[in-house]
Amino acid sequence: MIRETNEQADPEMVAISALAFLAADPQRLERFLLLTGTQPETIRFGARQPGFLSGVMQQVVGWEPWLLEFAAYAEMAPGDVVRAADRLAAET
């Protein structure tokens, strides 16, 4: 069982992991692309742009099934994922 921790994960690393999570499944990736208007060929460029990773995290935490799936994938508590998303949003 994964428990929430007082340690704060690096929000950028969590977001990169979230992007890998989305890209690992064609259906998740397709949904992400449709929701954000991102084109598959621009993901790498976008990932280097300010705010892109925060947008990835907002998509993941904004839909509970993805939040729970990603938390399990990243071996994090859902609350820790949300806190990482909030910290990343505050930094951009």
N, C-alpha and C. Protein backbone atom coordinates (compact mmCIF):
# COMPACT_ATOMS: atom_id res chain seq x y z
N MET A 1 0.85 -1.18 0.00
CA MET A 1 0.00 0.00 0.00
C MET A 1 0.89 1.24 0.00
N ILE A 2 0.59 2.16 -0.87
CA ILE A 2 1.35 3.40 -0.98
C ILE A 2 0.72 4.42 -0.05
N ARG A 3 1.55 5.05 0.74
CA ARG A 3 1.07 6.05 1.69
C ARG A 3 1.60 7.42 1.30
N GLU A 4 0.84 8.41 1.68
CA GLU A 4 1.31 9.77 1.44
C GLU A 4 2.56 10.01 2.27
N THR A 5 3.41 10.85 1.76
CA THR A 5 4.67 11.12 2.43
C THR A 5 4.85 12.61 2.63
N ASN A 6 5.66 12.95 3.59
CA ASN A 6 5.97 14.35 3.81
C ASN A 6 7.07 14.83 2.86
N GLU A 7 7.77 13.87 2.24
CA GLU A 7 8.81 14.23 1.28
C GLU A 7 8.14 14.80 0.04
N GLN A 8 8.75 15.82 -0.51
CA GLN A 8 8.18 16.41 -1.71
C GLN A 8 8.98 15.94 -2.92
N ALA A 9 8.30 15.27 -3.81
CA ALA A 9 8.93 14.81 -5.04
C ALA A 9 9.21 16.02 -5.92
N ASP A 10 10.25 15.92 -6.72
CA ASP A 10 10.58 16.97 -7.68
C ASP A 10 9.42 17.06 -8.68
N PRO A 11 8.68 18.17 -8.69
CA PRO A 11 7.49 18.24 -9.53
C PRO A 11 7.79 18.07 -11.02
N GLU A 12 8.94 18.55 -11.47
CA GLU A 12 9.29 18.39 -12.88
C GLU A 12 9.52 16.91 -13.22
N MET A 13 10.15 16.18 -12.33
CA MET A 13 10.38 14.76 -12.57
C MET A 13 9.06 13.99 -12.55
N VAL A 14 8.16 14.38 -11.67
CA VAL A 14 6.84 13.75 -11.63
C VAL A 14 6.12 14.01 -12.95
N ALA A 15 6.21 15.23 -13.46
CA ALA A 15 5.54 15.58 -14.72
C ALA A 15 6.15 14.81 -15.90
N ILE A 16 7.46 14.64 -15.91
CA ILE A 16 8.09 13.86 -16.97
C ILE A 16 7.61 12.42 -16.91
N SER A 17 7.49 11.91 -15.70
CA SER A 17 6.96 10.56 -15.53
C SER A 17 5.51 10.49 -15.99
N ALA A 18 4.74 11.54 -15.73
CA ALA A 18 3.34 11.58 -16.18
C ALA A 18 3.25 11.60 -17.70
N LEU A 19 4.16 12.31 -18.34
CA LEU A 19 4.18 12.32 -19.80
C LEU A 19 4.51 10.93 -20.34
N ALA A 20 5.46 10.25 -19.71
CA ALA A 20 5.79 8.88 -20.11
C ALA A 20 4.60 7.96 -19.90
N PHE A 21 3.88 8.16 -18.80
CA PHE A 21 2.66 7.38 -18.51
C PHE A 21 1.64 7.56 -19.62
N LEU A 22 1.43 8.79 -20.04
CA LEU A 22 0.46 9.06 -21.10
C LEU A 22 0.92 8.45 -22.42
N ALA A 23 2.20 8.59 -22.72
CA ALA A 23 2.73 8.11 -23.99
C ALA A 23 2.79 6.58 -24.06
N ALA A 24 2.80 5.93 -22.92
CA ALA A 24 2.92 4.47 -22.88
C ALA A 24 1.67 3.74 -23.36
N ASP A 25 0.57 4.44 -23.40
CA ASP A 25 -0.69 3.81 -23.80
C ASP A 25 -1.32 4.61 -24.93
N PRO A 26 -1.54 4.00 -26.09
CA PRO A 26 -2.09 4.75 -27.23
C PRO A 26 -3.42 5.43 -26.95
N GLN A 27 -4.29 4.81 -26.17
CA GLN A 27 -5.58 5.43 -25.87
C GLN A 27 -5.42 6.65 -24.97
N ARG A 28 -4.55 6.54 -23.97
CA ARG A 28 -4.31 7.70 -23.11
C ARG A 28 -3.68 8.83 -23.91
N LEU A 29 -2.70 8.48 -24.74
CA LEU A 29 -2.03 9.50 -25.53
C LEU A 29 -3.01 10.19 -26.47
N GLU A 30 -3.85 9.40 -27.12
CA GLU A 30 -4.84 9.99 -28.04
C GLU A 30 -5.78 10.94 -27.29
N ARG A 31 -6.23 10.54 -26.11
CA ARG A 31 -7.12 11.41 -25.32
C ARG A 31 -6.40 12.69 -24.93
N PHE A 32 -5.14 12.57 -24.48
CA PHE A 32 -4.36 13.74 -24.11
C PHE A 32 -4.21 14.68 -25.29
N LEU A 33 -3.88 14.14 -26.45
CA LEU A 33 -3.70 14.98 -27.65
C LEU A 33 -5.00 15.68 -28.02
N LEU A 34 -6.11 14.96 -27.95
CA LEU A 34 -7.41 15.57 -28.28
C LEU A 34 -7.79 16.67 -27.29
N LEU A 35 -7.55 16.42 -26.01
CA LEU A 35 -7.94 17.40 -24.98
C LEU A 35 -7.08 18.65 -25.02
N THR A 36 -5.82 18.50 -25.39
CA THR A 36 -4.90 19.64 -25.34
C THR A 36 -4.66 20.29 -26.69
N GLY A 37 -5.03 19.61 -27.76
CA GLY A 37 -4.76 20.14 -29.09
C GLY A 37 -3.30 19.99 -29.50
N THR A 38 -2.55 19.24 -28.72
CA THR A 38 -1.14 19.00 -29.03
C THR A 38 -1.05 18.01 -30.19
N GLN A 39 -0.07 18.22 -31.04
CA GLN A 39 0.17 17.30 -32.16
C GLN A 39 1.28 16.33 -31.75
N PRO A 40 1.19 15.08 -32.16
CA PRO A 40 2.21 14.10 -31.77
C PRO A 40 3.63 14.56 -32.09
N GLU A 41 3.81 15.21 -33.23
CA GLU A 41 5.15 15.62 -33.64
C GLU A 41 5.68 16.83 -32.86
N THR A 42 4.84 17.46 -32.06
CA THR A 42 5.30 18.63 -31.31
C THR A 42 5.49 18.36 -29.82
N ILE A 43 5.28 17.13 -29.38
CA ILE A 43 5.40 16.82 -27.95
C ILE A 43 6.81 17.09 -27.44
N ARG A 44 7.82 16.64 -28.15
CA ARG A 44 9.19 16.85 -27.67
C ARG A 44 9.52 18.34 -27.57
N PHE A 45 9.12 19.10 -28.57
CA PHE A 45 9.35 20.54 -28.52
C PHE A 45 8.56 21.15 -27.37
N GLY A 46 7.31 20.76 -27.26
CA GLY A 46 6.45 21.30 -26.21
C GLY A 46 6.96 21.01 -24.81
N ALA A 47 7.54 19.83 -24.64
CA ALA A 47 8.03 19.45 -23.31
C ALA A 47 9.12 20.38 -22.81
N ARG A 48 9.75 21.10 -23.72
CA ARG A 48 10.81 22.05 -23.32
C ARG A 48 10.27 23.46 -23.10
N GLN A 49 8.99 23.66 -23.36
CA GLN A 49 8.40 24.99 -23.23
C GLN A 49 7.84 25.21 -21.83
N PRO A 50 7.97 26.43 -21.32
CA PRO A 50 7.40 26.72 -20.00
C PRO A 50 5.90 26.43 -19.97
N GLY A 51 5.47 25.79 -18.95
CA GLY A 51 4.05 25.52 -18.78
C GLY A 51 3.57 24.21 -19.37
N PHE A 52 4.32 23.61 -20.29
CA PHE A 52 3.84 22.37 -20.92
C PHE A 52 3.71 21.26 -19.90
N LEU A 53 4.75 21.05 -19.10
CA LEU A 53 4.69 19.96 -18.12
C LEU A 53 3.62 20.22 -17.06
N SER A 54 3.40 21.47 -16.73
CA SER A 54 2.32 21.80 -15.82
C SER A 54 0.98 21.43 -16.45
N GLY A 55 0.84 21.67 -17.73
CA GLY A 55 -0.38 21.29 -18.45
C GLY A 55 -0.58 19.78 -18.46
N VAL A 56 0.51 19.04 -18.61
CA VAL A 56 0.44 17.58 -18.54
C VAL A 56 -0.11 17.17 -17.18
N MET A 57 0.45 17.75 -16.14
CA MET A 57 0.01 17.39 -14.79
C MET A 57 -1.44 17.78 -14.55
N GLN A 58 -1.86 18.91 -15.08
CA GLN A 58 -3.26 19.32 -14.90
C GLN A 58 -4.21 18.33 -15.56
N GLN A 59 -3.80 17.80 -16.71
CA GLN A 59 -4.63 16.79 -17.38
C GLN A 59 -4.70 15.51 -16.54
N VAL A 60 -3.57 15.11 -15.99
CA VAL A 60 -3.52 13.87 -15.20
C VAL A 60 -4.34 14.02 -13.91
N VAL A 61 -4.15 15.10 -13.19
CA VAL A 61 -4.88 15.23 -11.92
C VAL A 61 -6.33 15.67 -12.13
N GLY A 62 -6.63 16.18 -13.30
CA GLY A 62 -7.98 16.65 -13.57
C GLY A 62 -9.00 15.57 -13.89
N TRP A 63 -8.53 14.37 -14.09
CA TRP A 63 -9.45 13.26 -14.38
C TRP A 63 -9.07 12.11 -13.46
N GLU A 64 -9.95 11.81 -12.51
CA GLU A 64 -9.63 10.86 -11.45
C GLU A 64 -9.11 9.51 -11.94
N PRO A 65 -9.66 8.92 -12.99
CA PRO A 65 -9.08 7.64 -13.43
C PRO A 65 -7.59 7.75 -13.77
N TRP A 66 -7.22 8.83 -14.44
CA TRP A 66 -5.80 9.01 -14.75
C TRP A 66 -4.99 9.28 -13.50
N LEU A 67 -5.52 10.07 -12.60
CA LEU A 67 -4.81 10.35 -11.36
C LEU A 67 -4.50 9.06 -10.62
N LEU A 68 -5.49 8.22 -10.46
CA LEU A 68 -5.29 6.97 -9.73
C LEU A 68 -4.37 6.02 -10.47
N GLU A 69 -4.53 5.92 -11.80
CA GLU A 69 -3.66 5.06 -12.59
C GLU A 69 -2.22 5.56 -12.55
N PHE A 70 -2.04 6.86 -12.69
CA PHE A 70 -0.69 7.41 -12.67
C PHE A 70 -0.06 7.26 -11.30
N ALA A 71 -0.82 7.50 -10.25
CA ALA A 71 -0.27 7.34 -8.90
C ALA A 71 0.25 5.92 -8.70
N ALA A 72 -0.50 4.94 -9.16
CA ALA A 72 -0.04 3.55 -9.06
C ALA A 72 1.20 3.33 -9.92
N TYR A 73 1.18 3.86 -11.14
CA TYR A 73 2.31 3.74 -12.07
C TYR A 73 3.58 4.34 -11.46
N ALA A 74 3.45 5.49 -10.83
CA ALA A 74 4.59 6.20 -10.26
C ALA A 74 4.90 5.77 -8.83
N GLU A 75 4.08 4.86 -8.30
CA GLU A 75 4.23 4.41 -6.91
C GLU A 75 4.20 5.58 -5.94
N MET A 76 3.22 6.43 -6.15
CA MET A 76 3.01 7.61 -5.32
C MET A 76 1.57 7.60 -4.81
N ALA A 77 1.34 8.25 -3.71
CA ALA A 77 -0.02 8.46 -3.25
C ALA A 77 -0.67 9.53 -4.13
N PRO A 78 -1.95 9.40 -4.43
CA PRO A 78 -2.61 10.41 -5.26
C PRO A 78 -2.44 11.84 -4.72
N GLY A 79 -2.49 11.99 -3.40
CA GLY A 79 -2.30 13.33 -2.82
C GLY A 79 -0.93 13.91 -3.12
N ASP A 80 0.08 13.05 -3.16
CA ASP A 80 1.43 13.51 -3.50
C ASP A 80 1.51 13.95 -4.96
N VAL A 81 0.78 13.25 -5.83
CA VAL A 81 0.73 13.63 -7.24
C VAL A 81 0.09 15.01 -7.37
N VAL A 82 -1.00 15.22 -6.68
CA VAL A 82 -1.71 16.51 -6.73
C VAL A 82 -0.80 17.62 -6.19
N ARG A 83 -0.10 17.35 -5.10
CA ARG A 83 0.81 18.37 -4.56
C ARG A 83 1.93 18.69 -5.54
N ALA A 84 2.45 17.69 -6.21
CA ALA A 84 3.50 17.95 -7.23
C ALA A 84 2.93 18.81 -8.36
N ALA A 85 1.71 18.53 -8.78
CA ALA A 85 1.06 19.31 -9.83
C ALA A 85 0.87 20.76 -9.38
N ASP A 86 0.45 20.93 -8.16
CA ASP A 86 0.24 22.29 -7.61
C ASP A 86 1.55 23.05 -7.53
N ARG A 87 2.60 22.38 -7.10
CA ARG A 87 3.92 23.04 -6.99
C ARG A 87 4.43 23.43 -8.37
N LEU A 88 4.25 22.55 -9.33
CA LEU A 88 4.70 22.84 -10.69
C LEU A 88 3.92 24.02 -11.26
N ALA A 89 2.63 24.06 -11.03
CA ALA A 89 1.81 25.17 -11.50
C ALA A 89 2.25 26.49 -10.88
N ALA A 90 2.62 26.44 -9.62
CA ALA A 90 3.06 27.66 -8.92
C ALA A 90 4.41 28.14 -9.43
N GLU A 91 5.22 27.23 -9.96
CA GLU A 91 6.55 27.59 -10.46
C GLU A 91 6.51 28.17 -11.87
N THR A 92 5.43 27.96 -12.58
CA THR A 92 5.38 28.43 -13.97
C THR A 92 4.58 29.70 -14.11
